[in-house]
PDB file of N, CA and C in Angstrom:
ATOM      1  N   MET A   1      83.803 114.362  25.262  1.00  0.00           N
ATOM      2  CA  MET A   1      84.566 114.043  24.112  1.00  0.00           C
ATOM      3  C   MET A   1      85.242 115.241  23.527  1.00  0.00           C
ATOM      4  N   SER A   2      86.390 115.422  23.126  1.00  0.00           N
ATOM      5  CA  SER A   2      87.201 116.679  22.968  1.00  0.00           C
ATOM      6  C   SER A   2      87.249 116.652  21.220  1.00  0.00           C
ATOM      7  N   SER A   3      87.533 117.799  20.729  1.00  0.00           N
ATOM      8  CA  SER A   3      87.654 117.619  19.168  1.00  0.00           C
ATOM      9  C   SER A   3      88.418 118.598  18.822  1.00  0.00           C
ATOM     10  N   VAL A   4      88.854 118.545  17.631  1.00  0.00           N
ATOM     11  CA  VAL A   4      89.564 119.455  17.475  1.00  0.00           C
ATOM     12  C   VAL A   4      89.245 119.903  15.791  1.00  0.00           C
ATOM     13  N   GLN A   5      88.857 121.285  16.004  1.00  0.00           N
ATOM     14  CA  GLN A   5      88.457 122.175  14.735  1.00  0.00           C
ATOM     15  C   GLN A   5      89.465 121.805  13.324  1.00  0.00           C
ATOM     16  N   THR A   6      89.071 121.680  12.003  1.00  0.00           N
ATOM     17  CA  THR A   6      89.521 121.502  10.879  1.00  0.00           C
ATOM     18  C   THR A   6      89.465 122.815  10.058  1.00  0.00           C
ATOM     19  N   SER A   7      89.987 123.086   9.079  1.00  0.00           N
ATOM     20  CA  SER A   7      89.516 124.229   8.324  1.00  0.00           C
ATOM     21  C   SER A   7      88.249 124.158   7.326  1.00  0.00           C
ATOM     22  N   TYR A   8      87.514 122.604   7.555  1.00  0.00           N
ATOM     23  CA  TYR A   8      86.249 123.247   6.985  1.00  0.00           C
ATOM     24  C   TYR A   8      85.137 123.233   7.974  1.00  0.00           C
ATOM     25  N   GLU A   9      84.382 123.820   7.630  1.00  0.00           N
ATOM     26  CA  GLU A   9      83.428 124.530   8.715  1.00  0.00           C
ATOM     27  C   GLU A   9      82.693 123.852   9.333  1.00  0.00           C
ATOM     28  N   HIS A  10      82.263 122.277   8.761  1.00  0.00           N
ATOM     29  CA  HIS A  10      81.442 121.744   9.254  1.00  0.00           C
ATOM     30  C   HIS A  10      82.402 120.350  10.004  1.00  0.00           C
ATOM     31  N   ILE A  11      83.481 120.189   9.836  1.00  0.00           N
ATOM     32  CA  ILE A  11      84.406 118.914  10.483  1.00  0.00           C
ATOM     33  C   ILE A  11      85.062 119.351  11.205  1.00  0.00           C
ATOM     34  N   VAL A  12      85.279 118.270  12.308  1.00  0.00           N
ATOM     35  CA  VAL A  12      86.179 118.347  13.365  1.00  0.00           C
ATOM     36  C   VAL A  12      86.550 116.990  13.636  1.00  0.00           C
ATOM     37  N   LEU A  13      87.916 116.830  14.348  1.00  0.00           N
ATOM     38  CA  LEU A  13      88.572 115.564  14.378  1.00  0.00           C
ATOM     39  C   LEU A  13      88.434 115.149  15.752  1.00  0.00           C
ATOM     40  N   ASP A  14      87.774 113.902  16.002  1.00  0.00           N
ATOM     41  CA  ASP A  14      87.633 113.307  17.377  1.00  0.00           C
ATOM     42  C   ASP A  14      88.842 113.217  17.811  1.00  0.00           C
ATOM     43  N   GLU A  15      88.915 112.752  19.481  1.00  0.00           N
ATOM     44  CA  GLU A  15      90.251 112.607  20.046  1.00  0.00           C
ATOM     45  C   GLU A  15      91.001 111.033  19.383  1.00  0.00           C
ATOM     46  N   LYS A  16      90.198 110.361  18.673  1.00  0.00           N
ATOM     47  CA  LYS A  16      91.304 109.554  17.705  1.00  0.00           C
ATOM     48  C   LYS A  16      91.719 110.097  16.511  1.00  0.00           C
ATOM     49  N   GLY A  17      91.336 111.038  16.197  1.00  0.00           N
ATOM     50  CA  GLY A  17      91.733 111.855  14.642  1.00  0.00           C
ATOM     51  C   GLY A  17      91.036 111.565  13.684  1.00  0.00           C
ATOM     52  N   THR A  18      89.159 110.913  14.200  1.00  0.00           N
ATOM     53  CA  THR A  18      88.191 110.820  12.741  1.00  0.00           C
ATOM     54  C   THR A  18      87.586 112.040  12.572  1.00  0.00           C
ATOM     55  N   PRO A  19      87.660 112.335  11.455  1.00  0.00           N
ATOM     56  CA  PRO A  19      86.631 113.344  10.674  1.00  0.00           C
ATOM     57  C   PRO A  19      85.497 112.924  11.290  1.00  0.00           C
ATOM     58  N   VAL A  20      84.828 114.125  12.034  1.00  0.00           N
ATOM     59  CA  VAL A  20      83.433 113.879  12.419  1.00  0.00           C
ATOM     60  C   VAL A  20      82.755 115.035  11.917  1.00  0.00           C
ATOM     61  N   ILE A  21      81.376 114.923  11.797  1.00  0.00           N
ATOM     62  CA  ILE A  21      80.388 116.194  11.271  1.00  0.00           C
ATOM     63  C   ILE A  21      80.158 116.811  12.766  1.00  0.00           C
ATOM     64  N   ALA A  22      80.804 118.207  12.655  1.00  0.00           N
ATOM     65  CA  ALA A  22      80.767 119.119  13.922  1.00  0.00           C
ATOM     66  C   ALA A  22      79.207 119.039  14.783  1.00  0.00           C
ATOM     67  N   GLY A  23      78.739 118.639  15.774  1.00  0.00           N
ATOM     68  CA  GLY A  23      77.797 118.875  16.631  1.00  0.00           C
ATOM     69  C   GLY A  23      76.752 117.048  16.095  1.00  0.00           C
ATOM     70  N   THR A  24      77.835 116.496  15.582  1.00  0.00           N
ATOM     71  CA  THR A  24      76.926 114.965  15.659  1.00  0.00           C
ATOM     72  C   THR A  24      77.844 113.882  16.036  1.00  0.00           C
ATOM     73  N   THR A  25      77.393 112.804  15.716  1.00  0.00           N
ATOM     74  CA  THR A  25      78.090 111.659  15.797  1.00  0.00           C
ATOM     75  C   THR A  25      78.392 110.964  14.432  1.00  0.00           C
ATOM     76  N   MET A  26      77.915 111.552  13.487  1.00  0.00           N
ATOM     77  CA  MET A  26      78.140 111.044  12.136  1.00  0.00           C
ATOM     78  C   MET A  26      79.947 111.150  11.726  1.00  0.00           C
ATOM     79  N   LYS A  27      80.300 110.267  11.105  1.00  0.00           N
ATOM     80  CA  LYS A  27      81.562 110.366  11.034  1.00  0.00           C
ATOM     81  C   LYS A  27      81.225 110.589   9.408  1.00  0.00           C
ATOM     82  N   VAL A  28      82.672 111.277   8.993  1.00  0.00           N
ATOM     83  CA  VAL A  28      82.721 111.889   7.300  1.00  0.00           C
ATOM     84  C   VAL A  28      82.654 110.285   6.783  1.00  0.00           C
ATOM     85  N   VAL A  29      83.546 109.443   7.099  1.00  0.00           N
ATOM     86  CA  VAL A  29      83.522 108.002   6.422  1.00  0.00           C
ATOM     87  C   VAL A  29      82.338 107.452   6.083  1.00  0.00           C
ATOM     88  N   GLU A  30      81.267 107.938   7.325  1.00  0.00           N
ATOM     89  CA  GLU A  30      79.754 106.978   6.754  1.00  0.00           C
ATOM     90  C   GLU A  30      79.041 107.304   6.009  1.00  0.00           C
ATOM     91  N   LEU A  31      79.191 109.100   5.813  1.00  0.00           N
ATOM     92  CA  LEU A  31      78.573 109.782   5.043  1.00  0.00           C
ATOM     93  C   LEU A  31      78.820 109.556   3.288  1.00  0.00           C
ATOM     94  N   ILE A  32      80.144 109.077   3.578  1.00  0.00           N
ATOM     95  CA  ILE A  32      80.634 108.923   2.220  1.00  0.00           C
ATOM     96  C   ILE A  32      80.824 107.680   1.620  1.00  0.00           C
ATOM     97  N   ALA A  33      80.593 106.673   2.526  1.00  0.00           N
ATOM     98  CA  ALA A  33      80.659 105.277   2.104  1.00  0.00           C
ATOM     99  C   ALA A  33      78.977 105.056   1.460  1.00  0.00           C
ATOM    100  N   GLU A  34      77.980 105.894   2.205  1.00  0.00           N
ATOM    101  CA  GLU A  34      76.824 105.803   1.558  1.00  0.00           C
ATOM    102  C   GLU A  34      76.759 106.439   0.375  1.00  0.00           C
ATOM    103  N   LYS A  35      77.560 107.763   0.038  1.00  0.00           N
ATOM    104  CA  LYS A  35      77.362 107.996  -1.208  1.00  0.00           C
ATOM    105  C   LYS A  35      77.901 107.037  -2.124  1.00  0.00           C
ATOM    106  N   LEU A  36      78.789 106.556  -1.899  1.00  0.00           N
ATOM    107  CA  LEU A  36      79.696 105.739  -2.939  1.00  0.00           C
ATOM    108  C   LEU A  36      78.612 104.549  -3.048  1.00  0.00           C
ATOM    109  N   ALA A  37      78.021 103.796  -2.047  1.00  0.00           N
ATOM    110  CA  ALA A  37      77.523 102.532  -2.074  1.00  0.00           C
ATOM    111  C   ALA A  37      76.339 102.517  -3.031  1.00  0.00           C
ATOM    112  N   HIS A  38      75.596 103.928  -2.669  1.00  0.00           N
ATOM    113  CA  HIS A  38      74.313 103.974  -3.629  1.00  0.00           C
ATOM    114  C   HIS A  38      74.316 105.191  -4.899  1.00  0.00           C
ATOM    115  N   GLY A  39      75.436 105.864  -4.635  1.00  0.00           N
ATOM    116  CA  GLY A  39      75.218 106.517  -5.576  1.00  0.00           C
ATOM    117  C   GLY A  39      74.669 108.092  -5.434  1.00  0.00           C
ATOM    118  N   TRP A  40      74.446 108.351  -4.298  1.00  0.00           N
ATOM    119  CA  TRP A  40      73.331 109.325  -3.873  1.00  0.00           C
ATOM    120  C   TRP A  40      74.044 110.932  -3.861  1.00  0.00           C
ATOM    121  N   SER A  41      73.112 111.797  -4.274  1.00  0.00           N
ATOM    122  CA  SER A  41      73.810 113.112  -4.192  1.00  0.00           C
ATOM    123  C   SER A  41      73.747 113.620  -3.116  1.00  0.00           C
ATOM    124  N   PRO A  42      74.252 114.980  -3.072  1.00  0.00           N
ATOM    125  CA  PRO A  42      74.403 115.808  -1.861  1.00  0.00           C
ATOM    126  C   PRO A  42      72.787 116.016  -1.352  1.00  0.00           C
ATOM    127  N   GLU A  43      71.943 116.364  -1.878  1.00  0.00           N
ATOM    128  CA  GLU A  43      70.707 116.516  -1.857  1.00  0.00           C
ATOM    129  C   GLU A  43      69.669 115.230  -1.541  1.00  0.00           C
ATOM    130  N   GLU A  44      70.534 113.942  -1.674  1.00  0.00           N
ATOM    131  CA  GLU A  44      69.975 112.466  -1.222  1.00  0.00           C
ATOM    132  C   GLU A  44      70.606 112.424   0.024  1.00  0.00           C
ATOM    133  N   LEU A  45      71.660 112.694   0.182  1.00  0.00           N
ATOM    134  CA  LEU A  45      72.514 112.319   1.578  1.00  0.00           C
ATOM    135  C   LEU A  45      71.687 113.162   2.658  1.00  0.00           C
ATOM    136  N   TYR A  46      71.341 114.392   1.998  1.00  0.00           N
ATOM    137  CA  TYR A  46      70.840 115.667   3.025  1.00  0.00           C
ATOM    138  C   TYR A  46      69.055 114.818   3.404  1.00  0.00           C
ATOM    139  N   PHE A  47      68.334 114.589   2.443  1.00  0.00           N
ATOM    140  CA  PHE A  47      67.099 113.830   2.490  1.00  0.00           C
ATOM    141  C   PHE A  47      67.088 112.496   3.491  1.00  0.00           C
ATOM    142  N   GLN A  48      68.091 111.758   3.019  1.00  0.00           N
ATOM    143  CA  GLN A  48      68.580 110.388   4.109  1.00  0.00           C
ATOM    144  C   GLN A  48      68.873 110.649   5.515  1.00  0.00           C
ATOM    145  N   HIS A  49      69.225 111.860   5.828  1.00  0.00           N
ATOM    146  CA  HIS A  49      69.648 112.421   6.934  1.00  0.00           C
ATOM    147  C   HIS A  49      69.345 113.644   7.793  1.00  0.00           C
ATOM    148  N   PRO A  50      68.391 113.852   8.085  1.00  0.00           N
ATOM    149  CA  PRO A  50      67.422 115.150   8.138  1.00  0.00           C
ATOM    150  C   PRO A  50      67.698 115.763   9.169  1.00  0.00           C
ATOM    151  N   TYR A  51      69.170 115.022   9.968  1.00  0.00           N
ATOM    152  CA  TYR A  51      69.219 115.730  11.301  1.00  0.00           C
ATOM    153  C   TYR A  51      70.836 116.449  10.663  1.00  0.00           C
ATOM    154  N   LEU A  52      70.994 116.557   9.762  1.00  0.00           N
ATOM    155  CA  LEU A  52      72.527 116.837   8.824  1.00  0.00           C
ATOM    156  C   LEU A  52      71.818 118.228   8.041  1.00  0.00           C
ATOM    157  N   THR A  53      72.552 119.445   8.220  1.00  0.00           N
ATOM    158  CA  THR A  53      72.135 120.579   7.135  1.00  0.00           C
ATOM    159  C   THR A  53      72.798 120.383   5.639  1.00  0.00           C
ATOM    160  N   LEU A  54      72.575 121.022   5.125  1.00  0.00           N
ATOM    161  CA  LEU A  54      73.073 120.828   3.544  1.00  0.00           C
ATOM    162  C   LEU A  54      74.481 120.947   3.405  1.00  0.00           C
ATOM    163  N   GLY A  55      74.994 122.255   4.589  1.00  0.00           N
ATOM    164  CA  GLY A  55      76.209 122.689   4.740  1.00  0.00           C
ATOM    165  C   GLY A  55      77.176 121.380   5.355  1.00  0.00           C
ATOM    166  N   GLN A  56      76.485 121.068   6.203  1.00  0.00           N
ATOM    167  CA  GLN A  56      77.124 119.738   6.550  1.00  0.00           C
ATOM    168  C   GLN A  56      77.420 119.027   5.879  1.00  0.00           C
ATOM    169  N   VAL A  57      77.105 118.450   4.795  1.00  0.00           N
ATOM    170  CA  VAL A  57      76.544 117.323   3.868  1.00  0.00           C
ATOM    171  C   VAL A  57      78.000 117.923   3.073  1.00  0.00           C
ATOM    172  N   TYR A  58      77.625 119.026   2.206  1.00  0.00           N
ATOM    173  CA  TYR A  58      78.674 119.562   1.571  1.00  0.00           C
ATOM    174  C   TYR A  58      80.120 119.678   2.214  1.00  0.00           C
ATOM    175  N   SER A  59      80.275 119.936   3.380  1.00  0.00           N
ATOM    176  CA  SER A  59      81.565 120.239   3.929  1.00  0.00           C
ATOM    177  C   SER A  59      82.237 118.943   4.173  1.00  0.00           C
ATOM    178  N   ALA A  60      81.174 117.572   4.329  1.00  0.00           N
ATOM    179  CA  ALA A  60      82.052 116.566   4.876  1.00  0.00           C
ATOM    180  C   ALA A  60      82.212 116.122   2.867  1.00  0.00           C
ATOM    181  N   LEU A  61      81.498 116.269   1.869  1.00  0.00           N
ATOM    182  CA  LEU A  61      81.887 115.840   0.770  1.00  0.00           C
ATOM    183  C   LEU A  61      83.284 116.746   0.443  1.00  0.00           C
ATOM    184  N   ALA A  62      83.275 118.089   0.731  1.00  0.00           N
ATOM    185  CA  ALA A  62      84.820 118.588   0.504  1.00  0.00           C
ATOM    186  C   ALA A  62      85.990 118.214   1.202  1.00  0.00           C
ATOM    187  N   TYR A  63      85.581 117.395   2.483  1.00  0.00           N
ATOM    188  CA  TYR A  63      86.850 116.984   3.480  1.00  0.00           C
ATOM    189  C   TYR A  63      86.658 115.803   2.371  1.00  0.00           C
ATOM    190  N   TYR A  64      86.159 115.099   1.842  1.00  0.00           N
ATOM    191  CA  TYR A  64      86.267 113.812   1.093  1.00  0.00           C
ATOM    192  C   TYR A  64      86.920 113.908   0.049  1.00  0.00           C
ATOM    193  N   ALA A  65      86.746 115.185  -0.757  1.00  0.00           N
ATOM    194  CA  ALA A  65      87.582 115.632  -1.994  1.00  0.00           C
ATOM    195  C   ALA A  65      89.079 115.655  -1.621  1.00  0.00           C
ATOM    196  N   ASP A  66      89.197 116.334  -0.556  1.00  0.00           N
ATOM    197  CA  ASP A  66      90.573 116.821  -0.238  1.00  0.00           C
ATOM    198  C   ASP A  66      91.168 115.594   0.520  1.00  0.00           C
ATOM    199  N   HIS A  67      90.772 114.584   0.722  1.00  0.00           N
ATOM    200  CA  HIS A  67      91.201 113.550   1.615  1.00  0.00           C
ATOM    201  C   HIS A  67      90.852 112.182   1.138  1.00  0.00           C
ATOM    202  N   GLN A  68      90.790 112.206  -0.358  1.00  0.00           N
ATOM    203  CA  GLN A  68      90.016 110.712  -0.779  1.00  0.00           C
ATOM    204  C   GLN A  68      90.683 109.551  -0.638  1.00  0.00           C
ATOM    205  N   ALA A  69      91.942 109.539  -0.916  1.00  0.00           N
ATOM    206  CA  ALA A  69      92.756 108.160  -0.588  1.00  0.00           C
ATOM    207  C   ALA A  69      92.792 107.602   0.817  1.00  0.00           C
ATOM    208  N   GLU A  70      92.709 108.633   1.586  1.00  0.00           N
ATOM    209  CA  GLU A  70      92.864 108.184   3.143  1.00  0.00           C
ATOM    210  C   GLU A  70      91.447 108.042   3.677  1.00  0.00           C
ATOM    211  N   LEU A  71      90.416 108.539   3.374  1.00  0.00           N
ATOM    212  CA  LEU A  71      89.249 107.708   3.221  1.00  0.00           C
ATOM    213  C   LEU A  71      88.566 106.485   2.832  1.00  0.00           C
ATOM    214  N   GLU A  72      89.223 106.512   1.350  1.00  0.00           N
ATOM    215  CA  GLU A  72      88.725 105.458   0.399  1.00  0.00           C
ATOM    216  C   GLU A  72      89.646 104.022   1.611  1.00  0.00           C
ATOM    217  N   ARG A  73      90.908 104.202   2.140  1.00  0.00           N
ATOM    218  CA  ARG A  73      91.653 103.188   2.485  1.00  0.00           C
ATOM    219  C   ARG A  73      90.491 102.956   3.840  1.00  0.00           C
ATOM    220  N   ASP A  74      90.221 103.675   4.519  1.00  0.00           N
ATOM    221  CA  ASP A  74      89.263 103.710   5.846  1.00  0.00           C
ATOM    222  C   ASP A  74      87.935 102.746   5.817  1.00  0.00           C
ATOM    223  N   ILE A  75      87.389 103.225   4.369  1.00  0.00           N
ATOM    224  CA  ILE A  75      86.516 102.326   3.945  1.00  0.00           C
ATOM    225  C   ILE A  75      86.657 100.873   3.501  1.00  0.00           C
ATOM    226  N   GLU A  76      88.107 100.531   3.021  1.00  0.00           N
ATOM    227  CA  GLU A  76      88.378  99.721   2.691  1.00  0.00           C
ATOM    228  C   GLU A  76      88.665  98.471   3.899  1.00  0.00           C
ATOM    229  N   LYS A  77      89.292  99.134   4.773  1.00  0.00           N
ATOM    230  CA  LYS A  77      89.507  98.531   6.509  1.00  0.00           C
ATOM    231  C   LYS A  77      88.178  98.100   7.017  1.00  0.00           C
ATOM    232  N   ARG A  78      87.233  99.229   6.961  1.00  0.00           N
ATOM    233  CA  ARG A  78      85.962  98.806   7.498  1.00  0.00           C
ATOM    234  C   ARG A  78      85.469  97.601   6.769  1.00  0.00           C
ATOM    235  N   LEU A  79      85.609  97.596   5.444  1.00  0.00           N
ATOM    236  CA  LEU A  79      84.634  96.432   4.646  1.00  0.00           C
ATOM    237  C   LEU A  79      85.544  95.042   4.880  1.00  0.00           C
ATOM    238  N   GLU A  80      86.542  95.068   4.807  1.00  0.00           N
ATOM    239  CA  GLU A  80      87.497  93.623   5.184  1.00  0.00           C
ATOM    240  C   GLU A  80      86.863  93.419   6.807  1.00  0.00           C
ATOM    241  N   ARG A  81      86.883  94.214   7.533  1.00  0.00           N
ATOM    242  CA  ARG A  81      86.422  93.968   9.163  1.00  0.00           C
ATOM    243  C   ARG A  81      85.171  93.406   9.281  1.00  0.00           C
ATOM    244  N   SER A  82      84.530  94.136   8.390  1.00  0.00           N
ATOM    245  CA  SER A  82      82.931  93.537   8.462  1.00  0.00           C
ATOM    246  C   SER A  82      82.924  92.289   7.804  1.00  0.00           C
ATOM    247  N   ILE A  83      83.633  91.966   6.368  1.00  0.00           N
ATOM    248  CA  ILE A  83      83.682  90.507   6.247  1.00  0.00           C
ATOM    249  C   ILE A  83      84.096  89.647   7.374  1.00  0.00           C
ATOM    250  N   CYS A  84      85.195  89.728   7.734  1.00  0.00           N
ATOM    251  CA  CYS A  84      85.642  88.907   8.901  1.00  0.00           C
ATOM    252  C   CYS A  84      84.890  88.618  10.059  1.00  0.00           C
ATOM    253  N   LEU A  85      83.952  89.793  10.404  1.00  0.00           N
ATOM    254  CA  LEU A  85      83.277  89.580  11.310  1.00  0.00           C
ATOM    255  C   LEU A  85      82.076  88.529  10.992  1.00  0.00           C
ATOM    256  N   GLU A  86      81.773  88.847  10.102  1.00  0.00           N
ATOM    257  CA  GLU A  86      80.690  87.694   9.226  1.00  0.00           C
ATOM    258  C   GLU A  86      81.193  86.426   9.100  1.00  0.00           C
ATOM    259  N   LYS A  87      82.042  86.106   8.930  1.00  0.00           N
ATOM    260  CA  LYS A  87      82.817  85.157   8.762  1.00  0.00           C
ATOM    261  C   LYS A  87      82.744  84.294  10.243  1.00  0.00           C
ATOM    262  N   GLU A  88      82.865  84.745  11.156  1.00  0.00           N
ATOM    263  CA  GLU A  88      83.308  84.328  12.520  1.00  0.00           C
ATOM    264  C   GLU A  88      81.587  84.226  13.304  1.00  0.00           C
ATOM    265  N   ILE A  89      80.821  85.120  12.933  1.00  0.00           N
ATOM    266  CA  ILE A  89      79.475  85.105  13.542  1.00  0.00           C
ATOM    267  C   ILE A  89      78.935  83.825  13.328  1.00  0.00           C
ATOM    268  N   ARG A  90      78.291  83.039  14.255  1.00  0.00           N
ATOM    269  CA  ARG A  90      77.954  81.628  13.980  1.00  0.00           C
ATOM    270  C   ARG A  90      76.165  82.040  13.827  1.00  0.00           C
ATOM    271  N   GLU A  91      75.344  81.068  13.104  1.00  0.00           N
ATOM    272  CA  GLU A  91      73.787  81.495  13.123  1.00  0.00           C
ATOM    273  C   GLU A  91      73.283  80.878  14.360  1.00  0.00           C
ATOM    274  N   SER A  92      72.596  81.674  14.516  1.00  0.00           N
ATOM    275  CA  SER A  92      71.426  81.423  15.654  1.00  0.00           C
ATOM    276  C   SER A  92      71.066  80.121  15.640  1.00  0.00           C
ATOM    277  N   HIS A  93      70.678  79.313  16.781  1.00  0.00           N
ATOM    278  CA  HIS A  93      69.868  78.408  16.719  1.00  0.00           C
ATOM    279  C   HIS A  93      68.419  78.484  15.935  1.00  0.00           C
ATOM    280  N   LEU A  94      67.440  79.267  16.162  1.00  0.00           N
ATOM    281  CA  LEU A  94      66.525  79.454  15.297  1.00  0.00           C
ATOM    282  C   LEU A  94      66.816  79.292  14.135  1.00  0.00           C
ATOM    283  N   ILE A  95      67.662  79.864  13.282  1.00  0.00           N
ATOM    284  CA  ILE A  95      67.840  80.287  12.015  1.00  0.00           C
ATOM    285  C   ILE A  95      68.373  78.476  11.689  1.00  0.00           C
ATOM    286  N   GLU A  96      69.068  77.939  12.267  1.00  0.00           N
ATOM    287  CA  GLU A  96      69.734  76.354  12.155  1.00  0.00           C
ATOM    288  C   GLU A  96      68.389  75.825  11.964  1.00  0.00           C
ATOM    289  N   ARG A  97      67.561  75.870  13.029  1.00  0.00           N
ATOM    290  CA  ARG A  97      66.231  75.135  12.949  1.00  0.00           C
ATOM    291  C   ARG A  97      65.561  75.072  11.715  1.00  0.00           C
ATOM    292  N   LEU A  98      65.163  76.548  11.746  1.00  0.00           N
ATOM    293  CA  LEU A  98      64.413  76.865  10.269  1.00  0.00           C
ATOM    294  C   LEU A  98      64.927  76.420   9.071  1.00  0.00           C
ATOM    295  N   LYS A  99      66.256  76.350   8.837  1.00  0.00           N
ATOM    296  CA  LYS A  99      66.995  75.948   7.785  1.00  0.00           C
ATOM    297  C   LYS A  99      66.820  74.470   7.825  1.00  0.00           C
ATOM    298  N   SER A 100      66.992  73.421   8.886  1.00  0.00           N
ATOM    299  CA  SER A 100      66.809  71.962   8.759  1.00  0.00           C
ATOM    300  C   SER A 100      65.330  71.665   8.649  1.00  0.00           C
ATOM    301  N   LYS A 101      64.544  72.473   8.760  1.00  0.00           N
ATOM    302  CA  LYS A 101      63.133  71.970   8.400  1.00  0.00           C
ATOM    303  C   LYS A 101      62.700  72.699   6.975  1.00  0.00           C
ATOM    304  N   GLY A 102      63.829  73.094   6.286  1.00  0.00           N
ATOM    305  CA  GLY A 102      63.412  73.523   4.717  1.00  0.00           C
ATOM    306  C   GLY A 102      62.543  74.883   5.211  1.00  0.00           C
ATOM    307  N   LEU A 103      62.758  75.427   5.947  1.00  0.00           N
ATOM    308  CA  LEU A 103      61.525  76.819   6.113  1.00  0.00           C
ATOM    309  C   LEU A 103      62.475  77.991   5.359  1.00  0.00           C
ATOM    310  N   ILE A 104      63.520  77.877   5.182  1.00  0.00           N
ATOM    311  CA  ILE A 104      64.321  79.067   5.103  1.00  0.00           C
ATOM    312  C   ILE A 104      65.631  78.431   4.181  1.00  0.00           C
TER     313      ILE A 104
END
């Protein structure tokens, strides 16, 4: 996997141009989505992701601060895609049987 260094110490762009925390597979947008969804502080993000350093978390937050509109559009597209996929996925036969028996 090739990557391009950015001016943010711990952030690189992958081959698709997606900002990723260097040395990990964690996309900046994924960390920011968690921050926005849960209201987590940098320290809580660090606690929730023990494989990241606090410096990596702060670097991702700095990247977000400078690219907020772009990352929020990405989050919105991911949410829309998730909703579409959820509508397309059929319930399993087990769930259907349990519902038909009033068990769930």
